Amino acid sequence: MPEPCRKMSANQRPRLDSPSELSESSHSGILNERVLVLVFQSIKWDIHALCRTASVSRKLRAVAKRLLWREACVYRAPQMTAALINGGRISVDWHALAKLLFFCCGCESTRHFQLSQPAPGHFLKASRFSKTSGRSFLTRKCRGDLLFVSDPCEHPMGGDVEYDLGIYRGIFGGFMRSRTRACLVARQVELEEKVRCPYCGARVWSMTTARLIPKSAAKRLGSQDDRLEYFVCVNGHLHGTCWLIPLSSDEANTDNDDDMDGDDDADGTPSRYGGVNGFGSPESSN
């Protein structure tokens, strides 16, 4: 090589990567889907960690929406998710399902259920969903529908209020083809104006207005017929409230041995309903 060219090569500045190239290279490891899955497997799909990861960037949020929320649901509630997807024939909004599994939506007053003050939403350490409970929320002609419903999350109201507030949630499998939806459409029940689904943001039907709340729902919840309300959104998510009747010590120690058909638990301790219902500290939803 001629001397001038050799000098130019020696004195030439190294080429700097463009900001976009630097960004891609610095995040390549964090965006590796297999690495992310292995990391979350090692921490048992901790929901708080997954929420923080999904908020880092749009790319990570996209990966979480497409992959991570699904894997979290499958890991934490395998029987329930297998039943809901029906062998892969039914699509599921995995982010909404994950939020429904691990977040109590809280509640405010509605026209059929009045509160002295709103109850805030919060993350749950564990909760239990049951097909057996779900059947109690279906009228006789709709008993063939697939519905999972959680045990109610207990919110002590304090003061002179005699009852605890119960907040529960659930999800239909194949809601578009369900008899429940067919009944709502046939009865021309109008969608609520002021209430939205806390899990997907869709519009909802009031099952109180539709007169589709069977008496067995109050019995399952430990409430009274006129002391509960729930809504079902157009995507099949259910959320509701009730006033819980105080239980004696004998009733609280009674187990429901027939209540394990198709249930999915998530690392909790026994609750007053024979399932699991451990709660973390209250946190607001993003």
C-alpha atoms as a PDB file:
ATOM      1  CA  MET A   1       0.000   0.000   0.000  1.00  0.00           C
ATOM      2  CA  PRO A   2       1.428   3.518  -0.870  1.00  0.00           C
ATOM      3  CA  GLU A   3       2.630   5.552   2.107  1.00  0.00           C
ATOM      4  CA  PRO A   4      -0.011   8.317   1.800  1.00  0.00           C
ATOM      5  CA  CYS A   5      -2.804   5.735   1.828  1.00  0.00           C
ATOM      6  CA  ARG A   6      -1.220   4.005   4.837  1.00  0.00           C
ATOM      7  CA  LYS A   7      -1.137   7.314   6.736  1.00  0.00           C
ATOM      8  CA  MET A   8      -4.730   8.091   5.867  1.00  0.00           C
ATOM      9  CA  SER A   9      -5.805   4.684   7.147  1.00  0.00           C
ATOM     10  CA  ALA A  10      -3.929   5.179  10.401  1.00  0.00           C
ATOM     11  CA  ASN A  11      -5.349   8.661  10.955  1.00  0.00           C
ATOM     12  CA  GLN A  12      -8.867   7.872   9.825  1.00  0.00           C
ATOM     13  CA  ARG A  13     -11.522   8.122  12.557  1.00  0.00           C
ATOM     14  CA  PRO A  14     -13.521   4.993  13.285  1.00  0.00           C
ATOM     15  CA  ARG A  15     -17.050   5.122  11.869  1.00  0.00           C
ATOM     16  CA  LEU A  16     -19.667   5.814  14.526  1.00  0.00           C
ATOM     17  CA  ASP A  17     -22.901   3.861  14.464  1.00  0.00           C
ATOM     18  CA  SER A  18     -26.032   5.841  13.839  1.00  0.00           C
ATOM     19  CA  PRO A  19     -28.397   6.340  16.819  1.00  0.00           C
ATOM     20  CA  SER A  20     -30.865   3.888  15.291  1.00  0.00           C
ATOM     21  CA  GLU A  21     -28.157   1.215  14.943  1.00  0.00           C
ATOM     22  CA  LEU A  22     -27.020   1.813  18.516  1.00  0.00           C
ATOM     23  CA  SER A  23     -30.582   1.543  19.766  1.00  0.00           C
ATOM     24  CA  GLU A  24     -31.187  -1.710  17.924  1.00  0.00           C
ATOM     25  CA  SER A  25     -27.939  -3.293  19.098  1.00  0.00           C
ATOM     26  CA  SER A  26     -28.310  -2.199  22.717  1.00  0.00           C
ATOM     27  CA  HIS A  27     -31.828  -3.654  22.902  1.00  0.00           C
ATOM     28  CA  SER A  28     -31.242  -6.794  20.884  1.00  0.00           C
ATOM     29  CA  GLY A  29     -30.808  -8.958  23.978  1.00  0.00           C
ATOM     30  CA  ILE A  30     -33.788  -7.494  25.810  1.00  0.00           C
ATOM     31  CA  LEU A  31     -35.990  -7.986  22.750  1.00  0.00           C
ATOM     32  CA  ASN A  32     -34.971 -11.592  22.229  1.00  0.00           C
ATOM     33  CA  GLU A  33     -38.257 -13.385  22.818  1.00  0.00           C
ATOM     34  CA  ARG A  34     -36.691 -16.634  23.957  1.00  0.00           C
ATOM     35  CA  VAL A  35     -34.577 -14.768  26.526  1.00  0.00           C
ATOM     36  CA  LEU A  36     -37.649 -12.898  27.789  1.00  0.00           C
ATOM     37  CA  VAL A  37     -39.663 -16.085  28.129  1.00  0.00           C
ATOM     38  CA  LEU A  38     -36.845 -17.806  30.049  1.00  0.00           C
ATOM     39  CA  VAL A  39     -36.453 -14.808  32.365  1.00  0.00           C
ATOM     40  CA  PHE A  40     -40.152 -14.702  33.217  1.00  0.00           C
ATOM     41  CA  GLN A  41     -40.284 -18.464  33.626  1.00  0.00           C
ATOM     42  CA  SER A  42     -37.539 -18.154  36.235  1.00  0.00           C
ATOM     43  CA  ILE A  43     -39.634 -15.666  38.248  1.00  0.00           C
ATOM     44  CA  LYS A  44     -42.886 -17.614  37.734  1.00  0.00           C
ATOM     45  CA  TRP A  45     -44.401 -14.943  35.498  1.00  0.00           C
ATOM     46  CA  ASP A  46     -44.522 -12.254  38.134  1.00  0.00           C
ATOM     47  CA  ILE A  47     -47.265  -9.879  36.991  1.00  0.00           C
ATOM     48  CA  HIS A  48     -45.732  -6.725  38.485  1.00  0.00           C
ATOM     49  CA  ALA A  49     -42.448  -7.404  36.653  1.00  0.00           C
ATOM     50  CA  LEU A  50     -44.318  -8.091  33.431  1.00  0.00           C
ATOM     51  CA  CYS A  51     -46.274  -4.835  33.730  1.00  0.00           C
ATOM     52  CA  ARG A  52     -43.061  -2.872  34.287  1.00  0.00           C
ATOM     53  CA  THR A  53     -41.375  -4.577  31.333  1.00  0.00           C
ATOM     54  CA  ALA A  54     -44.292  -3.825  29.005  1.00  0.00           C
ATOM     55  CA  SER A  55     -44.106  -0.125  29.931  1.00  0.00           C
ATOM     56  CA  VAL A  56     -40.411   0.284  28.989  1.00  0.00           C
ATOM     57  CA  SER A  57     -40.916   0.823  25.253  1.00  0.00           C
ATOM     58  CA  ARG A  58     -43.364   0.317  22.422  1.00  0.00           C
ATOM     59  CA  LYS A  59     -41.374  -2.672  21.161  1.00  0.00           C
ATOM     60  CA  LEU A  60     -41.506  -4.442  24.513  1.00  0.00           C
ATOM     61  CA  ARG A  61     -45.178  -3.574  24.844  1.00  0.00           C
ATOM     62  CA  ALA A  62     -45.781  -5.180  21.448  1.00  0.00           C
ATOM     63  CA  VAL A  63     -43.871  -8.325  22.467  1.00  0.00           C
ATOM     64  CA  ALA A  64     -45.861  -8.514  25.700  1.00  0.00           C
ATOM     65  CA  LYS A  65     -49.158  -8.120  23.846  1.00  0.00           C
ATOM     66  CA  ARG A  66     -48.284 -10.734  21.228  1.00  0.00           C
ATOM     67  CA  LEU A  67     -46.491 -13.303  23.402  1.00  0.00           C
ATOM     68  CA  LEU A  68     -45.799 -12.614  27.073  1.00  0.00           C
ATOM     69  CA  TRP A  69     -49.361 -12.080  28.336  1.00  0.00           C
ATOM     70  CA  ARG A  70     -50.400 -15.323  26.658  1.00  0.00           C
ATOM     71  CA  GLU A  71     -47.540 -17.264  28.250  1.00  0.00           C
ATOM     72  CA  ALA A  72     -48.346 -15.759  31.656  1.00  0.00           C
ATOM     73  CA  CYS A  73     -51.993 -16.841  31.407  1.00  0.00           C
ATOM     74  CA  VAL A  74     -51.083 -20.354  30.251  1.00  0.00           C
ATOM     75  CA  TYR A  75     -48.553 -20.743  33.078  1.00  0.00           C
ATOM     76  CA  ARG A  76     -50.730 -19.351  35.877  1.00  0.00           C
ATOM     77  CA  ALA A  77     -54.120 -20.796  34.805  1.00  0.00           C
ATOM     78  CA  PRO A  78     -53.500 -23.725  32.415  1.00  0.00           C
ATOM     79  CA  GLN A  79     -56.863 -25.514  32.713  1.00  0.00           C
ATOM     80  CA  MET A  80     -58.858 -22.318  32.346  1.00  0.00           C
ATOM     81  CA  THR A  81     -56.952 -21.016  29.328  1.00  0.00           C
ATOM     82  CA  ALA A  82     -57.088 -24.427  27.614  1.00  0.00           C
ATOM     83  CA  ALA A  83     -60.870 -24.459  28.002  1.00  0.00           C
ATOM     84  CA  LEU A  84     -61.233 -20.867  26.794  1.00  0.00           C
ATOM     85  CA  ILE A  85     -59.233 -21.303  23.592  1.00  0.00           C
ATOM     86  CA  ASN A  86     -60.987 -24.635  22.839  1.00  0.00           C
ATOM     87  CA  GLY A  87     -58.027 -26.229  21.097  1.00  0.00           C
ATOM     88  CA  GLY A  88     -56.960 -22.989  19.458  1.00  0.00           C
ATOM     89  CA  ARG A  89     -60.304 -22.494  17.674  1.00  0.00           C
ATOM     90  CA  ILE A  90     -61.197 -19.364  19.672  1.00  0.00           C
ATOM     91  CA  SER A  91     -59.039 -16.242  19.795  1.00  0.00           C
ATOM     92  CA  VAL A  92     -58.411 -14.590  23.159  1.00  0.00           C
ATOM     93  CA  ASP A  93     -57.404 -11.064  24.124  1.00  0.00           C
ATOM     94  CA  TRP A  94     -54.509 -12.189  26.317  1.00  0.00           C
ATOM     95  CA  HIS A  95     -53.769  -8.792  27.841  1.00  0.00           C
ATOM     96  CA  ALA A  96     -57.413  -8.405  28.930  1.00  0.00           C
ATOM     97  CA  LEU A  97     -57.454 -11.977  30.275  1.00  0.00           C
ATOM     98  CA  ALA A  98     -54.246 -11.422  32.266  1.00  0.00           C
ATOM     99  CA  LYS A  99     -55.698  -8.254  33.782  1.00  0.00           C
ATOM    100  CA  LEU A 100     -58.908 -10.094  34.629  1.00  0.00           C
ATOM    101  CA  LEU A 101     -56.952 -12.913  36.288  1.00  0.00           C
ATOM    102  CA  PHE A 102     -54.808 -10.707  38.496  1.00  0.00           C
ATOM    103  CA  PHE A 103     -56.589  -7.380  38.992  1.00  0.00           C
ATOM    104  CA  CYS A 104     -59.663  -6.577  41.071  1.00  0.00           C
ATOM    105  CA  CYS A 105     -61.305  -3.717  39.183  1.00  0.00           C
ATOM    106  CA  GLY A 106     -62.889  -2.044  42.210  1.00  0.00           C
ATOM    107  CA  CYS A 107     -66.279  -0.402  41.760  1.00  0.00           C
ATOM    108  CA  GLU A 108     -68.350   2.759  41.885  1.00  0.00           C
ATOM    109  CA  SER A 109     -72.057   3.294  42.417  1.00  0.00           C
ATOM    110  CA  THR A 110     -74.381   2.296  39.585  1.00  0.00           C
ATOM    111  CA  ARG A 111     -78.122   2.752  39.179  1.00  0.00           C
ATOM    112  CA  HIS A 112     -78.812  -0.706  40.680  1.00  0.00           C
ATOM    113  CA  PHE A 113     -76.019  -0.795  43.289  1.00  0.00           C
ATOM    114  CA  GLN A 114     -75.294   2.171  45.540  1.00  0.00           C
ATOM    115  CA  LEU A 115     -72.104   2.750  47.538  1.00  0.00           C
ATOM    116  CA  SER A 116     -71.268   5.449  50.069  1.00  0.00           C
ATOM    117  CA  GLN A 117     -67.770   5.607  48.581  1.00  0.00           C
ATOM    118  CA  PRO A 118     -66.011   3.966  45.626  1.00  0.00           C
ATOM    119  CA  ALA A 119     -63.772   0.931  46.179  1.00  0.00           C
ATOM    120  CA  PRO A 120     -60.355   1.207  44.479  1.00  0.00           C
ATOM    121  CA  GLY A 121     -58.969  -1.480  42.205  1.00  0.00           C
ATOM    122  CA  HIS A 122     -55.838  -3.406  43.159  1.00  0.00           C
ATOM    123  CA  PHE A 123     -53.578  -6.246  42.105  1.00  0.00           C
ATOM    124  CA  LEU A 124     -54.268  -9.684  43.553  1.00  0.00           C
ATOM    125  CA  LYS A 125     -51.549 -12.030  44.715  1.00  0.00           C
ATOM    126  CA  ALA A 126     -53.788 -14.969  43.917  1.00  0.00           C
ATOM    127  CA  SER A 127     -57.364 -15.778  42.988  1.00  0.00           C
ATOM    128  CA  ARG A 128     -59.498 -18.743  41.982  1.00  0.00           C
ATOM    129  CA  PHE A 129     -61.807 -19.124  38.983  1.00  0.00           C
ATOM    130  CA  SER A 130     -64.332 -21.935  38.718  1.00  0.00           C
ATOM    131  CA  LYS A 131     -66.674 -23.390  36.098  1.00  0.00           C
ATOM    132  CA  THR A 132     -68.807 -24.606  38.974  1.00  0.00           C
ATOM    133  CA  SER A 133     -69.215 -21.031  40.174  1.00  0.00           C
ATOM    134  CA  GLY A 134     -69.829 -19.928  36.606  1.00  0.00           C
ATOM    135  CA  ARG A 135     -72.807 -22.272  36.222  1.00  0.00           C
ATOM    136  CA  SER A 136     -74.426 -20.567  39.214  1.00  0.00           C
ATOM    137  CA  PHE A 137     -74.464 -17.315  37.212  1.00  0.00           C
ATOM    138  CA  LEU A 138     -76.294 -18.824  34.229  1.00  0.00           C
ATOM    139  CA  THR A 139     -80.054 -19.129  33.852  1.00  0.00           C
ATOM    140  CA  ARG A 140     -81.495 -22.561  33.196  1.00  0.00           C
ATOM    141  CA  LYS A 141     -81.676 -22.142  29.418  1.00  0.00           C
ATOM    142  CA  CYS A 142     -78.066 -20.865  29.321  1.00  0.00           C
ATOM    143  CA  ARG A 143     -76.487 -23.614  31.429  1.00  0.00           C
ATOM    144  CA  GLY A 144     -74.664 -24.999  28.396  1.00  0.00           C
ATOM    145  CA  ASP A 145     -72.468 -21.879  28.174  1.00  0.00           C
ATOM    146  CA  LEU A 146     -68.885 -21.956  29.437  1.00  0.00           C
ATOM    147  CA  LEU A 147     -68.317 -19.342  32.139  1.00  0.00           C
ATOM    148  CA  PHE A 148     -65.526 -19.029  34.700  1.00  0.00           C
ATOM    149  CA  VAL A 149     -66.202 -16.797  37.725  1.00  0.00           C
ATOM    150  CA  SER A 150     -63.860 -15.847  40.558  1.00  0.00           C
ATOM    151  CA  ASP A 151     -64.510 -15.917  44.266  1.00  0.00           C
ATOM    152  CA  PRO A 152     -65.471 -12.420  45.412  1.00  0.00           C
ATOM    153  CA  CYS A 153     -62.663 -10.177  46.597  1.00  0.00           C
ATOM    154  CA  GLU A 154     -63.664  -8.915  50.051  1.00  0.00           C
ATOM    155  CA  HIS A 155     -63.547  -5.174  50.713  1.00  0.00           C
ATOM    156  CA  PRO A 156     -64.406  -4.229  54.333  1.00  0.00           C
ATOM    157  CA  MET A 157     -66.384  -0.986  54.261  1.00  0.00           C
ATOM    158  CA  GLY A 158     -65.830  -0.013  57.904  1.00  0.00           C
ATOM    159  CA  GLY A 159     -67.934   2.383  59.907  1.00  0.00           C
ATOM    160  CA  ASP A 160     -71.520   1.309  60.525  1.00  0.00           C
ATOM    161  CA  VAL A 161     -71.777  -0.792  57.376  1.00  0.00           C
ATOM    162  CA  GLU A 162     -72.906  -4.278  58.363  1.00  0.00           C
ATOM    163  CA  TYR A 163     -71.753  -6.087  55.208  1.00  0.00           C
ATOM    164  CA  ASP A 164     -68.454  -6.435  53.401  1.00  0.00           C
ATOM    165  CA  LEU A 165     -68.369  -5.492  49.736  1.00  0.00           C
ATOM    166  CA  GLY A 166     -67.648  -8.365  47.363  1.00  0.00           C
ATOM    167  CA  ILE A 167     -66.178  -7.692  43.917  1.00  0.00           C
ATOM    168  CA  TYR A 168     -65.971 -10.549  41.432  1.00  0.00           C
ATOM    169  CA  ARG A 169     -65.131 -11.088  37.787  1.00  0.00           C
ATOM    170  CA  GLY A 170     -65.393 -13.752  35.129  1.00  0.00           C
ATOM    171  CA  ILE A 171     -65.112 -14.654  31.467  1.00  0.00           C
ATOM    172  CA  PHE A 172     -67.223 -16.588  28.949  1.00  0.00           C
ATOM    173  CA  GLY A 173     -65.700 -19.044  26.529  1.00  0.00           C
ATOM    174  CA  GLY A 174     -66.979 -18.566  22.972  1.00  0.00           C
ATOM    175  CA  PHE A 175     -69.249 -15.704  24.004  1.00  0.00           C
ATOM    176  CA  MET A 176     -70.241 -14.762  20.437  1.00  0.00           C
ATOM    177  CA  ARG A 177     -71.960 -18.145  20.059  1.00  0.00           C
ATOM    178  CA  SER A 178     -73.275 -18.369  23.632  1.00  0.00           C
ATOM    179  CA  ARG A 179     -76.930 -18.674  24.641  1.00  0.00           C
ATOM    180  CA  THR A 180     -76.424 -15.820  27.097  1.00  0.00           C
ATOM    181  CA  ARG A 181     -75.557 -13.421  24.287  1.00  0.00           C
ATOM    182  CA  ALA A 182     -78.439 -14.773  22.217  1.00  0.00           C
ATOM    183  CA  CYS A 183     -80.835 -14.035  25.110  1.00  0.00           C
ATOM    184  CA  LEU A 184     -79.506 -10.491  25.481  1.00  0.00           C
ATOM    185  CA  VAL A 185     -79.931  -9.851  21.764  1.00  0.00           C
ATOM    186  CA  ALA A 186     -83.380 -11.494  21.606  1.00  0.00           C
ATOM    187  CA  ARG A 187     -84.608  -9.377  24.521  1.00  0.00           C
ATOM    188  CA  GLN A 188     -83.166  -6.268  22.852  1.00  0.00           C
ATOM    189  CA  VAL A 189     -81.373  -5.283  26.043  1.00  0.00           C
ATOM    190  CA  GLU A 190     -79.675  -1.927  25.560  1.00  0.00           C
ATOM    191  CA  LEU A 191     -75.994  -1.458  26.339  1.00  0.00           C
ATOM    192  CA  GLU A 192     -75.212   0.666  29.380  1.00  0.00           C
ATOM    193  CA  GLU A 193     -74.390   4.314  28.741  1.00  0.00           C
ATOM    194  CA  LYS A 194     -72.117   5.007  31.722  1.00  0.00           C
ATOM    195  CA  VAL A 195     -70.425   1.666  32.406  1.00  0.00           C
ATOM    196  CA  ARG A 196     -67.526   0.154  30.454  1.00  0.00           C
ATOM    197  CA  CYS A 197     -65.687  -3.121  30.839  1.00  0.00           C
ATOM    198  CA  PRO A 198     -62.694  -2.502  33.154  1.00  0.00           C
ATOM    199  CA  TYR A 199     -60.688  -5.184  31.332  1.00  0.00           C
ATOM    200  CA  CYS A 200     -61.094  -4.375  27.636  1.00  0.00           C
ATOM    201  CA  GLY A 201     -62.954  -1.051  27.599  1.00  0.00           C
ATOM    202  CA  ALA A 202     -65.923  -2.411  25.622  1.00  0.00           C
ATOM    203  CA  ARG A 203     -69.566  -1.578  26.263  1.00  0.00           C
ATOM    204  CA  VAL A 204     -71.551  -3.766  28.647  1.00  0.00           C
ATOM    205  CA  TRP A 205     -75.003  -5.157  29.329  1.00  0.00           C
ATOM    206  CA  SER A 206     -76.479  -4.999  32.841  1.00  0.00           C
ATOM    207  CA  MET A 207     -77.648  -8.489  33.742  1.00  0.00           C
ATOM    208  CA  THR A 208     -79.909  -6.883  36.359  1.00  0.00           C
ATOM    209  CA  THR A 209     -81.654  -4.855  33.675  1.00  0.00           C
ATOM    210  CA  ALA A 210     -81.831  -7.953  31.456  1.00  0.00           C
ATOM    211  CA  ARG A 211     -83.321  -9.982  34.351  1.00  0.00           C
ATOM    212  CA  LEU A 212     -80.826 -12.747  33.692  1.00  0.00           C
ATOM    213  CA  ILE A 213     -79.433 -13.126  37.226  1.00  0.00           C
ATOM    214  CA  PRO A 214     -80.489 -16.492  38.700  1.00  0.00           C
ATOM    215  CA  LYS A 215     -81.012 -16.918  42.436  1.00  0.00           C
ATOM    216  CA  SER A 216     -78.153 -19.422  42.495  1.00  0.00           C
ATOM    217  CA  ALA A 217     -75.681 -16.552  41.901  1.00  0.00           C
ATOM    218  CA  ALA A 218     -76.506 -14.940  45.252  1.00  0.00           C
ATOM    219  CA  LYS A 219     -76.225 -18.289  47.009  1.00  0.00           C
ATOM    220  CA  ARG A 220     -72.820 -18.949  45.423  1.00  0.00           C
ATOM    221  CA  LEU A 221     -71.533 -15.518  46.424  1.00  0.00           C
ATOM    222  CA  GLY A 222     -72.879 -15.624  49.976  1.00  0.00           C
ATOM    223  CA  SER A 223     -75.177 -12.685  49.347  1.00  0.00           C
ATOM    224  CA  GLN A 224     -78.911 -11.994  48.976  1.00  0.00           C
ATOM    225  CA  ASP A 225     -80.970 -11.870  45.787  1.00  0.00           C
ATOM    226  CA  ASP A 226     -81.413  -8.098  45.737  1.00  0.00           C
ATOM    227  CA  ARG A 227     -77.892  -7.283  46.905  1.00  0.00           C
ATOM    228  CA  LEU A 228     -75.805  -8.030  43.841  1.00  0.00           C
ATOM    229  CA  GLU A 229     -75.273  -6.771  40.331  1.00  0.00           C
ATOM    230  CA  TYR A 230     -73.040  -7.742  37.432  1.00  0.00           C
ATOM    231  CA  PHE A 231     -72.300  -6.733  33.877  1.00  0.00           C
ATOM    232  CA  VAL A 232     -71.189  -8.652  30.791  1.00  0.00           C
ATOM    233  CA  CYS A 233     -69.323  -6.857  28.007  1.00  0.00           C
ATOM    234  CA  VAL A 234     -69.668  -7.542  24.281  1.00  0.00           C
ATOM    235  CA  ASN A 235     -66.396  -9.520  24.460  1.00  0.00           C
ATOM    236  CA  GLY A 236     -67.652 -11.834  27.216  1.00  0.00           C
ATOM    237  CA  HIS A 237     -65.906 -10.363  30.288  1.00  0.00           C
ATOM    238  CA  LEU A 238     -67.992 -10.258  33.469  1.00  0.00           C
ATOM    239  CA  HIS A 239     -67.585  -7.984  36.482  1.00  0.00           C
ATOM    240  CA  GLY A 240     -69.888  -7.402  39.419  1.00  0.00           C
ATOM    241  CA  THR A 241     -70.478  -6.474  43.030  1.00  0.00           C
ATOM    242  CA  CYS A 242     -72.449  -7.824  45.981  1.00  0.00           C
ATOM    243  CA  TRP A 243     -72.942  -7.343  49.692  1.00  0.00           C
ATOM    244  CA  LEU A 244     -71.507 -10.347  51.539  1.00  0.00           C
ATOM    245  CA  ILE A 245     -73.548 -11.787  54.395  1.00  0.00           C
ATOM    246  CA  PRO A 246     -71.400 -12.158  57.562  1.00  0.00           C
ATOM    247  CA  LEU A 247     -70.601 -15.806  58.197  1.00  0.00           C
ATOM    248  CA  SER A 248     -70.453 -17.617  61.518  1.00  0.00           C
ATOM    249  CA  SER A 249     -67.259 -19.457  62.431  1.00  0.00           C
ATOM    250  CA  ASP A 250     -68.954 -22.809  61.673  1.00  0.00           C
ATOM    251  CA  GLU A 251     -69.941 -21.678  58.172  1.00  0.00           C
ATOM    252  CA  ALA A 252     -66.502 -20.231  57.469  1.00  0.00           C
ATOM    253  CA  ASN A 253     -64.870 -23.582  58.238  1.00  0.00           C
ATOM    254  CA  THR A 254     -67.146 -25.537  55.876  1.00  0.00           C
ATOM    255  CA  ASP A 255     -65.440 -26.728  52.686  1.00  0.00           C
ATOM    256  CA  ASN A 256     -67.178 -27.056  49.330  1.00  0.00           C
ATOM    257  CA  ASP A 257     -65.888 -30.463  48.257  1.00  0.00           C
ATOM    258  CA  ASP A 258     -67.897 -30.446  45.002  1.00  0.00           C
ATOM    259  CA  ASP A 259     -66.363 -27.175  43.849  1.00  0.00           C
ATOM    260  CA  MET A 260     -63.211 -28.388  42.118  1.00  0.00           C
ATOM    261  CA  ASP A 261     -64.532 -29.112  38.607  1.00  0.00           C
ATOM    262  CA  GLY A 262     -62.250 -27.316  36.201  1.00  0.00           C
ATOM    263  CA  ASP A 263     -60.957 -24.815  38.745  1.00  0.00           C
ATOM    264  CA  ASP A 264     -57.665 -22.978  38.363  1.00  0.00           C
ATOM    265  CA  ASP A 265     -55.809 -21.698  41.410  1.00  0.00           C
ATOM    266  CA  ALA A 266     -52.900 -19.274  41.485  1.00  0.00           C
ATOM    267  CA  ASP A 267     -50.601 -19.802  44.451  1.00  0.00           C
ATOM    268  CA  GLY A 268     -52.856 -18.717  47.294  1.00  0.00           C
ATOM    269  CA  THR A 269     -54.231 -19.728  50.643  1.00  0.00           C
ATOM    270  CA  PRO A 270     -57.712 -21.083  51.435  1.00  0.00           C
ATOM    271  CA  SER A 271     -60.438 -18.440  51.569  1.00  0.00           C
ATOM    272  CA  ARG A 272     -63.895 -18.383  53.127  1.00  0.00           C
ATOM    273  CA  TYR A 273     -65.229 -19.811  49.841  1.00  0.00           C
ATOM    274  CA  GLY A 274     -63.101 -22.966  49.793  1.00  0.00           C
ATOM    275  CA  GLY A 275     -60.765 -21.578  47.131  1.00  0.00           C
ATOM    276  CA  VAL A 276     -57.834 -19.183  47.231  1.00  0.00           C
ATOM    277  CA  ASN A 277     -57.980 -15.446  47.617  1.00  0.00           C
ATOM    278  CA  GLY A 278     -54.721 -13.829  48.752  1.00  0.00           C
ATOM    279  CA  PHE A 279     -54.303 -10.133  48.125  1.00  0.00           C
ATOM    280  CA  GLY A 280     -51.356  -7.825  47.627  1.00  0.00           C
ATOM    281  CA  SER A 281     -51.247  -4.193  48.664  1.00  0.00           C
ATOM    282  CA  PRO A 282     -53.649  -1.898  46.783  1.00  0.00           C
ATOM    283  CA  GLU A 283     -52.235  -0.465  43.580  1.00  0.00           C
ATOM    284  CA  SER A 284     -53.865   1.629  40.889  1.00  0.00           C
ATOM    285  CA  SER A 285     -54.326   0.362  37.337  1.00  0.00           C
ATOM    286  CA  ASN A 286     -52.422   1.942  34.486  1.00  0.00           C
END
